[in-house]
PDB file of all heavy atoms in Angstrom:
ATOM      1  N   MET A   1      11.129   9.096 -23.625  1.00  0.00           N
ATOM      2  CA  MET A   1      10.436   7.848 -23.991  1.00  0.00           C
ATOM      3  C   MET A   1      10.601   6.725 -22.956  1.00  0.00           C
ATOM      4  O   MET A   1       9.760   5.831 -22.873  1.00  0.00           O
ATOM      5  CB  MET A   1      10.888   7.357 -25.362  1.00  0.00           C
ATOM      6  CG  MET A   1      12.363   7.044 -25.478  1.00  0.00           C
ATOM      7  SD  MET A   1      12.783   6.244 -27.070  1.00  0.00           S
ATOM      8  CE  MET A   1      12.080   7.363 -28.273  1.00  0.00           C
ATOM      9  N   THR A   2      11.677   6.757 -22.166  1.00  0.00           N
ATOM     10  CA  THR A   2      11.889   5.690 -21.181  1.00  0.00           C
ATOM     11  C   THR A   2      11.196   5.957 -19.842  1.00  0.00           C
ATOM     12  O   THR A   2      11.215   5.091 -18.964  1.00  0.00           O
ATOM     13  CB  THR A   2      13.397   5.504 -20.924  1.00  0.00           C
ATOM     14  OG1 THR A   2      13.962   6.747 -20.529  1.00  0.00           O
ATOM     15  CG2 THR A   2      14.091   4.974 -22.159  1.00  0.00           C
ATOM     16  N   VAL A   3      10.599   7.136 -19.678  1.00  0.00           N
ATOM     17  CA  VAL A   3       9.993   7.467 -18.383  1.00  0.00           C
ATOM     18  C   VAL A   3       8.521   7.853 -18.514  1.00  0.00           C
ATOM     19  O   VAL A   3       7.959   8.475 -17.615  1.00  0.00           O
ATOM     20  CB  VAL A   3      10.772   8.611 -17.679  1.00  0.00           C
ATOM     21  CG1 VAL A   3      12.169   8.156 -17.310  1.00  0.00           C
ATOM     22  CG2 VAL A   3      10.808   9.860 -18.552  1.00  0.00           C
ATOM     23  N   LEU A   4       7.894   7.473 -19.611  1.00  0.00           N
ATOM     24  CA  LEU A   4       6.500   7.870 -19.830  1.00  0.00           C
ATOM     25  C   LEU A   4       5.584   7.377 -18.713  1.00  0.00           C
ATOM     26  O   LEU A   4       4.667   8.085 -18.281  1.00  0.00           O
ATOM     27  CB  LEU A   4       6.026   7.351 -21.188  1.00  0.00           C
ATOM     28  CG  LEU A   4       6.705   7.976 -22.421  1.00  0.00           C
ATOM     29  CD1 LEU A   4       6.147   7.368 -23.699  1.00  0.00           C
ATOM     30  CD2 LEU A   4       6.538   9.490 -22.425  1.00  0.00           C
ATOM     31  N   GLU A   5       5.837   6.158 -18.236  1.00  0.00           N
ATOM     32  CA  GLU A   5       4.997   5.627 -17.155  1.00  0.00           C
ATOM     33  C   GLU A   5       5.143   6.442 -15.878  1.00  0.00           C
ATOM     34  O   GLU A   5       4.186   6.591 -15.112  1.00  0.00           O
ATOM     35  CB  GLU A   5       5.361   4.161 -16.874  1.00  0.00           C
ATOM     36  CG  GLU A   5       5.022   3.206 -18.016  1.00  0.00           C
ATOM     37  CD  GLU A   5       5.417   1.786 -17.690  1.00  0.00           C
ATOM     38  OE1 GLU A   5       5.973   1.559 -16.582  1.00  0.00           O
ATOM     39  OE2 GLU A   5       5.173   0.889 -18.523  1.00  0.00           O
ATOM     40  N   LYS A   6       6.345   6.994 -15.665  1.00  0.00           N
ATOM     41  CA  LYS A   6       6.612   7.717 -14.432  1.00  0.00           C
ATOM     42  C   LYS A   6       6.119   9.160 -14.469  1.00  0.00           C
ATOM     43  O   LYS A   6       6.031   9.807 -13.426  1.00  0.00           O
ATOM     44  CB  LYS A   6       8.116   7.690 -14.134  1.00  0.00           C
ATOM     45  CG  LYS A   6       8.645   6.278 -13.908  1.00  0.00           C
ATOM     46  CD  LYS A   6      10.147   6.275 -13.661  1.00  0.00           C
ATOM     47  CE  LYS A   6      10.657   4.868 -13.452  1.00  0.00           C
ATOM     48  NZ  LYS A   6      12.125   4.811 -13.241  1.00  0.00           N
ATOM     49  N   ILE A   7       5.834   9.664 -15.661  1.00  0.00           N
ATOM     50  CA  ILE A   7       5.363  11.049 -15.753  1.00  0.00           C
ATOM     51  C   ILE A   7       3.932  11.104 -16.304  1.00  0.00           C
ATOM     52  O   ILE A   7       3.526  12.087 -16.913  1.00  0.00           O
ATOM     53  CB  ILE A   7       6.304  11.912 -16.616  1.00  0.00           C
ATOM     54  CG1 ILE A   7       6.424  11.368 -18.041  1.00  0.00           C
ATOM     55  CG2 ILE A   7       7.670  12.024 -15.964  1.00  0.00           C
ATOM     56  CD1 ILE A   7       7.209  12.281 -18.970  1.00  0.00           C
ATOM     57  N   SER A   8       3.206  10.035 -16.089  1.00  0.00           N
ATOM     58  CA  SER A   8       1.803   9.980 -16.529  1.00  0.00           C
ATOM     59  C   SER A   8       0.875  10.012 -15.327  1.00  0.00           C
ATOM     60  O   SER A   8       1.193   9.482 -14.258  1.00  0.00           O
ATOM     61  CB  SER A   8       1.548   8.711 -17.340  1.00  0.00           C
ATOM     62  OG  SER A   8       2.308   8.699 -18.530  1.00  0.00           O
ATOM     63  N   ARG A   9      -0.263  10.634 -15.547  1.00  0.00           N
ATOM     64  CA  ARG A   9      -1.330  10.636 -14.543  1.00  0.00           C
ATOM     65  C   ARG A   9      -2.511   9.937 -15.170  1.00  0.00           C
ATOM     66  O   ARG A   9      -3.271  10.538 -15.943  1.00  0.00           O
ATOM     67  CB  ARG A   9      -1.689  12.063 -14.137  1.00  0.00           C
ATOM     68  CG  ARG A   9      -0.537  12.809 -13.461  1.00  0.00           C
ATOM     69  CD  ARG A   9      -0.929  14.245 -13.154  1.00  0.00           C
ATOM     70  NE  ARG A   9       0.139  14.974 -12.458  1.00  0.00           N
ATOM     71  CZ  ARG A   9       0.103  16.252 -12.146  1.00  0.00           C
ATOM     72  NH1 ARG A   9      -0.970  16.974 -12.479  1.00  0.00           N
ATOM     73  NH2 ARG A   9       1.106  16.829 -11.520  1.00  0.00           N
ATOM     74  N   GLY A  10      -2.619   8.648 -14.872  1.00  0.00           N
ATOM     75  CA  GLY A  10      -3.640   7.851 -15.546  1.00  0.00           C
ATOM     76  C   GLY A  10      -3.292   7.751 -17.025  1.00  0.00           C
ATOM     77  O   GLY A  10      -2.148   7.459 -17.391  1.00  0.00           O
ATOM     78  N   PRO A  11      -4.229   8.052 -17.893  1.00  0.00           N
ATOM     79  CA  PRO A  11      -3.954   7.976 -19.337  1.00  0.00           C
ATOM     80  C   PRO A  11      -3.302   9.238 -19.896  1.00  0.00           C
ATOM     81  O   PRO A  11      -3.049   9.311 -21.097  1.00  0.00           O
ATOM     82  CB  PRO A  11      -5.353   7.784 -19.929  1.00  0.00           C
ATOM     83  CG  PRO A  11      -6.259   8.510 -18.986  1.00  0.00           C
ATOM     84  CD  PRO A  11      -5.656   8.318 -17.603  1.00  0.00           C
ATOM     85  N   PHE A  12      -3.022  10.215 -19.032  1.00  0.00           N
ATOM     86  CA  PHE A  12      -2.525  11.514 -19.517  1.00  0.00           C
ATOM     87  C   PHE A  12      -1.078  11.751 -19.092  1.00  0.00           C
ATOM     88  O   PHE A  12      -0.683  11.451 -17.959  1.00  0.00           O
ATOM     89  CB  PHE A  12      -3.403  12.647 -18.982  1.00  0.00           C
ATOM     90  CG  PHE A  12      -4.845  12.512 -19.363  1.00  0.00           C
ATOM     91  CD1 PHE A  12      -5.785  12.089 -18.427  1.00  0.00           C
ATOM     92  CD2 PHE A  12      -5.269  12.790 -20.660  1.00  0.00           C
ATOM     93  CE1 PHE A  12      -7.113  11.956 -18.772  1.00  0.00           C
ATOM     94  CE2 PHE A  12      -6.590  12.655 -21.014  1.00  0.00           C
ATOM     95  CZ  PHE A  12      -7.525  12.233 -20.070  1.00  0.00           C
ATOM     96  N   LEU A  13      -0.310  12.328 -20.022  1.00  0.00           N
ATOM     97  CA  LEU A  13       1.064  12.706 -19.722  1.00  0.00           C
ATOM     98  C   LEU A  13       1.096  14.000 -18.923  1.00  0.00           C
ATOM     99  O   LEU A  13       0.290  14.899 -19.154  1.00  0.00           O
ATOM    100  CB  LEU A  13       1.854  12.914 -21.015  1.00  0.00           C
ATOM    101  CG  LEU A  13       2.525  11.710 -21.652  1.00  0.00           C
ATOM    102  CD1 LEU A  13       3.191  12.122 -22.964  1.00  0.00           C
ATOM    103  CD2 LEU A  13       3.565  11.091 -20.727  1.00  0.00           C
ATOM    104  N   ASP A  14       2.017  14.054 -17.969  1.00  0.00           N
ATOM    105  CA  ASP A  14       2.253  15.293 -17.233  1.00  0.00           C
ATOM    106  C   ASP A  14       3.166  16.148 -18.104  1.00  0.00           C
ATOM    107  O   ASP A  14       4.396  15.982 -18.110  1.00  0.00           O
ATOM    108  CB  ASP A  14       2.913  14.981 -15.891  1.00  0.00           C
ATOM    109  CG  ASP A  14       3.108  16.224 -15.043  1.00  0.00           C
ATOM    110  OD1 ASP A  14       3.105  17.342 -15.608  1.00  0.00           O
ATOM    111  OD2 ASP A  14       3.282  16.099 -13.818  1.00  0.00           O
ATOM    112  N   ARG A  15       2.588  17.056 -18.885  1.00  0.00           N
ATOM    113  CA  ARG A  15       3.360  17.846 -19.837  1.00  0.00           C
ATOM    114  C   ARG A  15       4.400  18.723 -19.142  1.00  0.00           C
ATOM    115  O   ARG A  15       5.466  18.991 -19.695  1.00  0.00           O
ATOM    116  CB  ARG A  15       2.417  18.715 -20.671  1.00  0.00           C
ATOM    117  CG  ARG A  15       1.489  17.921 -21.571  1.00  0.00           C
ATOM    118  CD  ARG A  15       2.250  17.153 -22.627  1.00  0.00           C
ATOM    119  NE  ARG A  15       1.362  16.440 -23.542  1.00  0.00           N
ATOM    120  CZ  ARG A  15       1.789  15.649 -24.505  1.00  0.00           C
ATOM    121  NH1 ARG A  15       3.093  15.450 -24.677  1.00  0.00           N
ATOM    122  NH2 ARG A  15       0.932  15.033 -25.295  1.00  0.00           N
ATOM    123  N   ARG A  16       4.090  19.167 -17.939  1.00  0.00           N
ATOM    124  CA  ARG A  16       5.043  20.007 -17.208  1.00  0.00           C
ATOM    125  C   ARG A  16       6.284  19.197 -16.852  1.00  0.00           C
ATOM    126  O   ARG A  16       7.417  19.661 -17.033  1.00  0.00           O
ATOM    127  CB  ARG A  16       4.394  20.563 -15.948  1.00  0.00           C
ATOM    128  CG  ARG A  16       5.304  21.503 -15.153  1.00  0.00           C
ATOM    129  CD  ARG A  16       4.549  22.141 -13.986  1.00  0.00           C
ATOM    130  NE  ARG A  16       5.422  23.018 -13.212  1.00  0.00           N
ATOM    131  CZ  ARG A  16       6.229  22.590 -12.246  1.00  0.00           C
ATOM    132  NH1 ARG A  16       6.268  21.293 -11.944  1.00  0.00           N
ATOM    133  NH2 ARG A  16       6.988  23.446 -11.589  1.00  0.00           N
ATOM    134  N   ALA A  17       6.090  17.963 -16.364  1.00  0.00           N
ATOM    135  CA  ALA A  17       7.224  17.101 -16.020  1.00  0.00           C
ATOM    136  C   ALA A  17       8.021  16.751 -17.267  1.00  0.00           C
ATOM    137  O   ALA A  17       9.259  16.719 -17.247  1.00  0.00           O
ATOM    138  CB  ALA A  17       6.723  15.828 -15.335  1.00  0.00           C
ATOM    139  N   GLU A  18       7.313  16.508 -18.367  1.00  0.00           N
ATOM    140  CA  GLU A  18       7.966  16.186 -19.627  1.00  0.00           C
ATOM    141  C   GLU A  18       8.844  17.351 -20.082  1.00  0.00           C
ATOM    142  O   GLU A  18       9.984  17.155 -20.518  1.00  0.00           O
ATOM    143  CB  GLU A  18       6.899  15.871 -20.679  1.00  0.00           C
ATOM    144  CG  GLU A  18       7.442  15.376 -22.006  1.00  0.00           C
ATOM    145  CD  GLU A  18       6.333  15.125 -23.012  1.00  0.00           C
ATOM    146  OE1 GLU A  18       5.328  15.878 -22.992  1.00  0.00           O
ATOM    147  OE2 GLU A  18       6.474  14.200 -23.824  1.00  0.00           O
ATOM    148  N   LYS A  19       8.314  18.562 -19.961  1.00  0.00           N
ATOM    149  CA  LYS A  19       9.065  19.756 -20.371  1.00  0.00           C
ATOM    150  C   LYS A  19      10.287  19.971 -19.486  1.00  0.00           C
ATOM    151  O   LYS A  19      11.379  20.316 -19.972  1.00  0.00           O
ATOM    152  CB  LYS A  19       8.163  20.988 -20.311  1.00  0.00           C
ATOM    153  CG  LYS A  19       8.827  22.269 -20.829  1.00  0.00           C
ATOM    154  CD  LYS A  19       7.857  23.429 -20.793  1.00  0.00           C
ATOM    155  CE  LYS A  19       8.457  24.682 -21.437  1.00  0.00           C
ATOM    156  NZ  LYS A  19       9.723  25.106 -20.812  1.00  0.00           N
ATOM    157  N   LEU A  20      10.136  19.737 -18.186  1.00  0.00           N
ATOM    158  CA  LEU A  20      11.254  19.921 -17.270  1.00  0.00           C
ATOM    159  C   LEU A  20      12.398  18.974 -17.599  1.00  0.00           C
ATOM    160  O   LEU A  20      13.579  19.365 -17.606  1.00  0.00           O
ATOM    161  CB  LEU A  20      10.791  19.702 -15.821  1.00  0.00           C
ATOM    162  CG  LEU A  20       9.956  20.824 -15.197  1.00  0.00           C
ATOM    163  CD1 LEU A  20       9.433  20.402 -13.830  1.00  0.00           C
ATOM    164  CD2 LEU A  20      10.797  22.104 -15.066  1.00  0.00           C
ATOM    165  N   ILE A  21      12.067  17.711 -17.881  1.00  0.00           N
ATOM    166  CA  ILE A  21      13.098  16.719 -18.215  1.00  0.00           C
ATOM    167  C   ILE A  21      13.819  17.103 -19.503  1.00  0.00           C
ATOM    168  O   ILE A  21      15.048  17.065 -19.589  1.00  0.00           O
ATOM    169  CB  ILE A  21      12.461  15.316 -18.353  1.00  0.00           C
ATOM    170  CG1 ILE A  21      12.008  14.821 -16.980  1.00  0.00           C
ATOM    171  CG2 ILE A  21      13.439  14.334 -18.990  1.00  0.00           C
ATOM    172  CD1 ILE A  21      11.191  13.541 -17.032  1.00  0.00           C
ATOM    173  N   THR A  22      13.049  17.497 -20.507  1.00  0.00           N
ATOM    174  CA  THR A  22      13.637  17.855 -21.801  1.00  0.00           C
ATOM    175  C   THR A  22      14.484  19.113 -21.695  1.00  0.00           C
ATOM    176  O   THR A  22      15.607  19.166 -22.211  1.00  0.00           O
ATOM    177  CB  THR A  22      12.530  18.057 -22.845  1.00  0.00           C
ATOM    178  OG1 THR A  22      11.692  16.913 -22.885  1.00  0.00           O
ATOM    179  CG2 THR A  22      13.130  18.271 -24.217  1.00  0.00           C
ATOM    180  N   ASP A  23      13.959  20.140 -21.036  1.00  0.00           N
ATOM    181  CA  ASP A  23      14.710  21.385 -20.889  1.00  0.00           C
ATOM    182  C   ASP A  23      16.007  21.159 -20.112  1.00  0.00           C
ATOM    183  O   ASP A  23      17.048  21.768 -20.433  1.00  0.00           O
ATOM    184  CB  ASP A  23      13.858  22.441 -20.183  1.00  0.00           C
ATOM    185  CG  ASP A  23      12.727  22.957 -21.058  1.00  0.00           C
ATOM    186  OD1 ASP A  23      12.742  22.681 -22.269  1.00  0.00           O
ATOM    187  OD2 ASP A  23      11.819  23.633 -20.522  1.00  0.00           O
ATOM    188  N   GLU A  24      15.954  20.285 -19.105  1.00  0.00           N
ATOM    189  CA  GLU A  24      17.151  19.986 -18.320  1.00  0.00           C
ATOM    190  C   GLU A  24      18.213  19.323 -19.193  1.00  0.00           C
ATOM    191  O   GLU A  24      19.400  19.660 -19.121  1.00  0.00           O
ATOM    192  CB  GLU A  24      16.808  19.071 -17.141  1.00  0.00           C
ATOM    193  CG  GLU A  24      18.034  18.716 -16.299  1.00  0.00           C
ATOM    194  CD  GLU A  24      17.736  17.656 -15.259  1.00  0.00           C
ATOM    195  OE1 GLU A  24      16.664  17.020 -15.325  1.00  0.00           O
ATOM    196  OE2 GLU A  24      18.598  17.451 -14.385  1.00  0.00           O
ATOM    197  N   ALA A  25      17.790  18.385 -20.051  1.00  0.00           N
ATOM    198  CA  ALA A  25      18.739  17.692 -20.929  1.00  0.00           C
ATOM    199  C   ALA A  25      19.373  18.667 -21.916  1.00  0.00           C
ATOM    200  O   ALA A  25      20.592  18.647 -22.144  1.00  0.00           O
ATOM    201  CB  ALA A  25      18.035  16.560 -21.677  1.00  0.00           C
ATOM    202  N   ILE A  26      18.559  19.535 -22.507  1.00  0.00           N
ATOM    203  CA  ILE A  26      19.066  20.507 -23.479  1.00  0.00           C
ATOM    204  C   ILE A  26      20.067  21.447 -22.821  1.00  0.00           C
ATOM    205  O   ILE A  26      21.126  21.764 -23.386  1.00  0.00           O
ATOM    206  CB  ILE A  26      17.905  21.304 -24.105  1.00  0.00           C
ATOM    207  CG1 ILE A  26      17.057  20.383 -25.001  1.00  0.00           C
ATOM    208  CG2 ILE A  26      18.434  22.485 -24.916  1.00  0.00           C
ATOM    209  CD1 ILE A  26      15.793  21.028 -25.529  1.00  0.00           C
ATOM    210  N   SER A  27      19.765  21.874 -21.603  1.00  0.00           N
ATOM    211  CA  SER A  27      20.646  22.787 -20.884  1.00  0.00           C
ATOM    212  C   SER A  27      21.902  22.082 -20.373  1.00  0.00           C
ATOM    213  O   SER A  27      23.026  22.573 -20.566  1.00  0.00           O
ATOM    214  CB  SER A  27      19.900  23.409 -19.707  1.00  0.00           C
ATOM    215  OG  SER A  27      20.758  24.184 -18.907  1.00  0.00           O
ATOM    216  N   LYS A  28      21.719  20.925 -19.763  1.00  0.00           N
ATOM    217  CA  LYS A  28      22.831  20.190 -19.144  1.00  0.00           C
ATOM    218  C   LYS A  28      23.874  19.781 -20.167  1.00  0.00           C
ATOM    219  O   LYS A  28      25.084  19.873 -19.918  1.00  0.00           O
ATOM    220  CB  LYS A  28      22.280  18.961 -18.424  1.00  0.00           C
ATOM    221  CG  LYS A  28      23.327  18.112 -17.723  1.00  0.00           C
ATOM    222  CD  LYS A  28      22.654  16.954 -16.988  1.00  0.00           C
ATOM    223  CE  LYS A  28      23.666  16.088 -16.266  1.00  0.00           C
ATOM    224  NZ  LYS A  28      23.004  14.957 -15.552  1.00  0.00           N
ATOM    225  N   TYR A  29      23.409  19.316 -21.345  1.00  0.00           N
ATOM    226  CA  TYR A  29      24.330  18.813 -22.359  1.00  0.00           C
ATOM    227  C   TYR A  29      24.562  19.796 -23.507  1.00  0.00           C
ATOM    228  O   TYR A  29      25.201  19.441 -24.499  1.00  0.00           O
ATOM    229  CB  TYR A  29      23.828  17.472 -22.894  1.00  0.00           C
ATOM    230  CG  TYR A  29      23.811  16.397 -21.833  1.00  0.00           C
ATOM    231  CD1 TYR A  29      22.616  15.828 -21.399  1.00  0.00           C
ATOM    232  CD2 TYR A  29      24.994  15.975 -21.245  1.00  0.00           C
ATOM    233  CE1 TYR A  29      22.603  14.853 -20.417  1.00  0.00           C
ATOM    234  CE2 TYR A  29      24.989  15.005 -20.252  1.00  0.00           C
ATOM    235  CZ  TYR A  29      23.799  14.447 -19.845  1.00  0.00           C
ATOM    236  OH  TYR A  29      23.797  13.483 -18.860  1.00  0.00           O
ATOM    237  N   ALA A  30      24.055  21.014 -23.357  1.00  0.00           N
ATOM    238  CA  ALA A  30      24.266  22.060 -24.375  1.00  0.00           C
ATOM    239  C   ALA A  30      23.897  21.563 -25.766  1.00  0.00           C
ATOM    240  O   ALA A  30      24.670  21.703 -26.724  1.00  0.00           O
ATOM    241  CB  ALA A  30      25.712  22.551 -24.335  1.00  0.00           C
ATOM    242  N   ILE A  31      22.707  20.973 -25.883  1.00  0.00           N
ATOM    243  CA  ILE A  31      22.228  20.482 -27.173  1.00  0.00           C
ATOM    244  C   ILE A  31      21.864  21.681 -28.039  1.00  0.00           C
ATOM    245  O   ILE A  31      21.065  22.527 -27.645  1.00  0.00           O
ATOM    246  CB  ILE A  31      21.003  19.559 -26.985  1.00  0.00           C
ATOM    247  CG1 ILE A  31      21.389  18.344 -26.148  1.00  0.00           C
ATOM    248  CG2 ILE A  31      20.439  19.119 -28.336  1.00  0.00           C
ATOM    249  CD1 ILE A  31      20.222  17.470 -25.739  1.00  0.00           C
ATOM    250  N   ARG A  32      22.446  21.757 -29.221  1.00  0.00           N
ATOM    251  CA  ARG A  32      22.210  22.887 -30.112  1.00  0.00           C
ATOM    252  C   ARG A  32      20.907  22.678 -30.878  1.00  0.00           C
ATOM    253  O   ARG A  32      20.826  21.851 -31.785  1.00  0.00           O
ATOM    254  CB  ARG A  32      23.368  23.032 -31.096  1.00  0.00           C
ATOM    255  CG  ARG A  32      24.692  23.415 -30.441  1.00  0.00           C
ATOM    256  CD  ARG A  32      25.763  23.620 -31.488  1.00  0.00           C
ATOM    257  NE  ARG A  32      27.055  23.930 -30.900  1.00  0.00           N
ATOM    258  CZ  ARG A  32      28.159  24.133 -31.598  1.00  0.00           C
ATOM    259  NH1 ARG A  32      28.116  24.062 -32.921  1.00  0.00           N
ATOM    260  NH2 ARG A  32      29.304  24.404 -31.001  1.00  0.00           N
ATOM    261  N   THR A  33      19.897  23.411 -30.514  1.00  0.00           N
ATOM    262  CA  THR A  33      18.595  23.289 -31.161  1.00  0.00           C
ATOM    263  C   THR A  33      17.780  24.551 -30.904  1.00  0.00           C
ATOM    264  O   THR A  33      17.918  25.161 -29.832  1.00  0.00           O
ATOM    265  CB  THR A  33      17.827  22.061 -30.624  1.00  0.00           C
ATOM    266  OG1 THR A  33      16.531  21.987 -31.247  1.00  0.00           O
ATOM    267  CG2 THR A  33      17.640  22.147 -29.112  1.00  0.00           C
ATOM    268  N   PRO A  34      16.933  24.954 -31.848  1.00  0.00           N
ATOM    269  CA  PRO A  34      16.087  26.124 -31.593  1.00  0.00           C
ATOM    270  C   PRO A  34      15.009  25.848 -30.556  1.00  0.00           C
ATOM    271  O   PRO A  34      14.573  26.754 -29.857  1.00  0.00           O
ATOM    272  CB  PRO A  34      15.483  26.426 -32.975  1.00  0.00           C
ATOM    273  CG  PRO A  34      15.589  25.135 -33.737  1.00  0.00           C
ATOM    274  CD  PRO A  34      16.828  24.477 -33.240  1.00  0.00           C
ATOM    275  N   ASP A  35      14.573  24.565 -30.462  1.00  0.00           N
ATOM    276  CA  ASP A  35      13.549  24.201 -29.473  1.00  0.00           C
ATOM    277  C   ASP A  35      13.511  22.694 -29.295  1.00  0.00           C
ATOM    278  O   ASP A  35      14.173  21.939 -30.024  1.00  0.00           O
ATOM    279  CB  ASP A  35      12.160  24.711 -29.902  1.00  0.00           C
ATOM    280  CG  ASP A  35      11.773  24.233 -31.287  1.00  0.00           C
ATOM    281  OD1 ASP A  35      11.660  23.012 -31.486  1.00  0.00           O
ATOM    282  OD2 ASP A  35      11.580  25.084 -32.179  1.00  0.00           O
ATOM    283  N   ALA A  36      12.708  22.245 -28.323  1.00  0.00           N
ATOM    284  CA  ALA A  36      12.632  20.825 -27.987  1.00  0.00           C
ATOM    285  C   ALA A  36      11.850  20.003 -28.997  1.00  0.00           C
ATOM    286  O   ALA A  36      11.876  18.776 -28.944  1.00  0.00           O
ATOM    287  CB  ALA A  36      11.997  20.662 -26.599  1.00  0.00           C
ATOM    288  N   GLU A  37      11.164  20.662 -29.926  1.00  0.00           N
ATOM    289  CA  GLU A  37      10.341  19.946 -30.901  1.00  0.00           C
ATOM    290  C   GLU A  37      11.095  19.611 -32.189  1.00  0.00           C
ATOM    291  O   GLU A  37      10.540  19.000 -33.089  1.00  0.00           O
ATOM    292  CB  GLU A  37       9.090  20.766 -31.235  1.00  0.00           C
ATOM    293  CG  GLU A  37       8.189  21.026 -30.041  1.00  0.00           C
ATOM    294  CD  GLU A  37       7.824  19.737 -29.298  1.00  0.00           C
ATOM    295  OE1 GLU A  37       7.400  18.770 -29.963  1.00  0.00           O
ATOM    296  OE2 GLU A  37       7.999  19.707 -28.065  1.00  0.00           O
ATOM    297  N   LYS A  38      12.340  19.989 -32.264  1.00  0.00           N
ATOM    298  CA  LYS A  38      13.132  19.686 -33.464  1.00  0.00           C
ATOM    299  C   LYS A  38      13.332  18.180 -33.581  1.00  0.00           C
ATOM    300  O   LYS A  38      13.653  17.498 -32.597  1.00  0.00           O
ATOM    301  CB  LYS A  38      14.486  20.384 -33.399  1.00  0.00           C
ATOM    302  CG  LYS A  38      15.278  20.330 -34.706  1.00  0.00           C
ATOM    303  CD  LYS A  38      16.551  21.146 -34.602  1.00  0.00           C
ATOM    304  CE  LYS A  38      17.337  21.168 -35.901  1.00  0.00           C
ATOM    305  NZ  LYS A  38      16.614  21.874 -36.978  1.00  0.00           N
ATOM    306  N   LYS A  39      13.154  17.630 -34.775  1.00  0.00           N
ATOM    307  CA  LYS A  39      13.351  16.195 -34.992  1.00  0.00           C
ATOM    308  C   LYS A  39      14.834  15.851 -34.830  1.00  0.00           C
ATOM    309  O   LYS A  39      15.708  16.573 -35.316  1.00  0.00           O
ATOM    310  CB  LYS A  39      12.879  15.792 -36.388  1.00  0.00           C
ATOM    311  CG  LYS A  39      11.370  15.923 -36.596  1.00  0.00           C
ATOM    312  CD  LYS A  39      10.983  15.525 -38.012  1.00  0.00           C
ATOM    313  CE  LYS A  39       9.474  15.654 -38.219  1.00  0.00           C
ATOM    314  NZ  LYS A  39       9.084  15.309 -39.608  1.00  0.00           N
ATOM    315  N   VAL A  40      15.115  14.716 -34.185  1.00  0.00           N
ATOM    316  CA  VAL A  40      16.512  14.383 -33.922  1.00  0.00           C
ATOM    317  C   VAL A  40      17.270  14.047 -35.207  1.00  0.00           C
ATOM    318  O   VAL A  40      18.498  14.171 -35.254  1.00  0.00           O
ATOM    319  CB  VAL A  40      16.644  13.213 -32.918  1.00  0.00           C
ATOM    320  CG1 VAL A  40      16.125  13.615 -31.556  1.00  0.00           C
ATOM    321  CG2 VAL A  40      15.939  11.975 -33.415  1.00  0.00           C
ATOM    322  N   MET A  41      16.575  13.652 -36.260  1.00  0.00           N
ATOM    323  CA  MET A  41      17.246  13.379 -37.524  1.00  0.00           C
ATOM    324  C   MET A  41      17.876  14.640 -38.113  1.00  0.00           C
ATOM    325  O   MET A  41      18.776  14.557 -38.957  1.00  0.00           O
ATOM    326  CB  MET A  41      16.271  12.771 -38.536  1.00  0.00           C
ATOM    327  CG  MET A  41      15.162  13.690 -38.995  1.00  0.00           C
ATOM    328  SD  MET A  41      13.935  12.841 -40.032  1.00  0.00           S
ATOM    329  CE  MET A  41      14.949  12.355 -41.417  1.00  0.00           C
ATOM    330  N   GLU A  42      17.433  15.802 -37.649  1.00  0.00           N
ATOM    331  CA  GLU A  42      17.957  17.065 -38.154  1.00  0.00           C
ATOM    332  C   GLU A  42      19.121  17.600 -37.309  1.00  0.00           C
ATOM    333  O   GLU A  42      19.684  18.641 -37.619  1.00  0.00           O
ATOM    334  CB  GLU A  42      16.827  18.107 -38.182  1.00  0.00           C
ATOM    335  CG  GLU A  42      15.687  17.730 -39.130  1.00  0.00           C
ATOM    336  CD  GLU A  42      14.490  18.648 -39.009  1.00  0.00           C
ATOM    337  OE1 GLU A  42      14.496  19.500 -38.095  1.00  0.00           O
ATOM    338  OE2 GLU A  42      13.553  18.519 -39.809  1.00  0.00           O
ATOM    339  N   LEU A  43      19.494  16.844 -36.268  1.00  0.00           N
ATOM    340  CA  LEU A  43      20.597  17.252 -35.406  1.00  0.00           C
ATOM    341  C   LEU A  43      21.909  16.669 -35.908  1.00  0.00           C
ATOM    342  O   LEU A  43      21.934  15.663 -36.619  1.00  0.00           O
ATOM    343  CB  LEU A  43      20.361  16.775 -33.968  1.00  0.00           C
ATOM    344  CG  LEU A  43      19.131  17.300 -33.232  1.00  0.00           C
ATOM    345  CD1 LEU A  43      19.031  16.633 -31.866  1.00  0.00           C
ATOM    346  CD2 LEU A  43      19.184  18.813 -33.080  1.00  0.00           C
TER     347      LEU A  43
END
């Protein structure tokens, strides 16, 4: 959410860049989740 401007191409989000950032966070910090779409309230 803090880097949306940096990973946007005009009015569109760069989904690949978004996925890379999220996957890196999940891997780097060993976040226990089945996938990146899990709501954080359930963590």
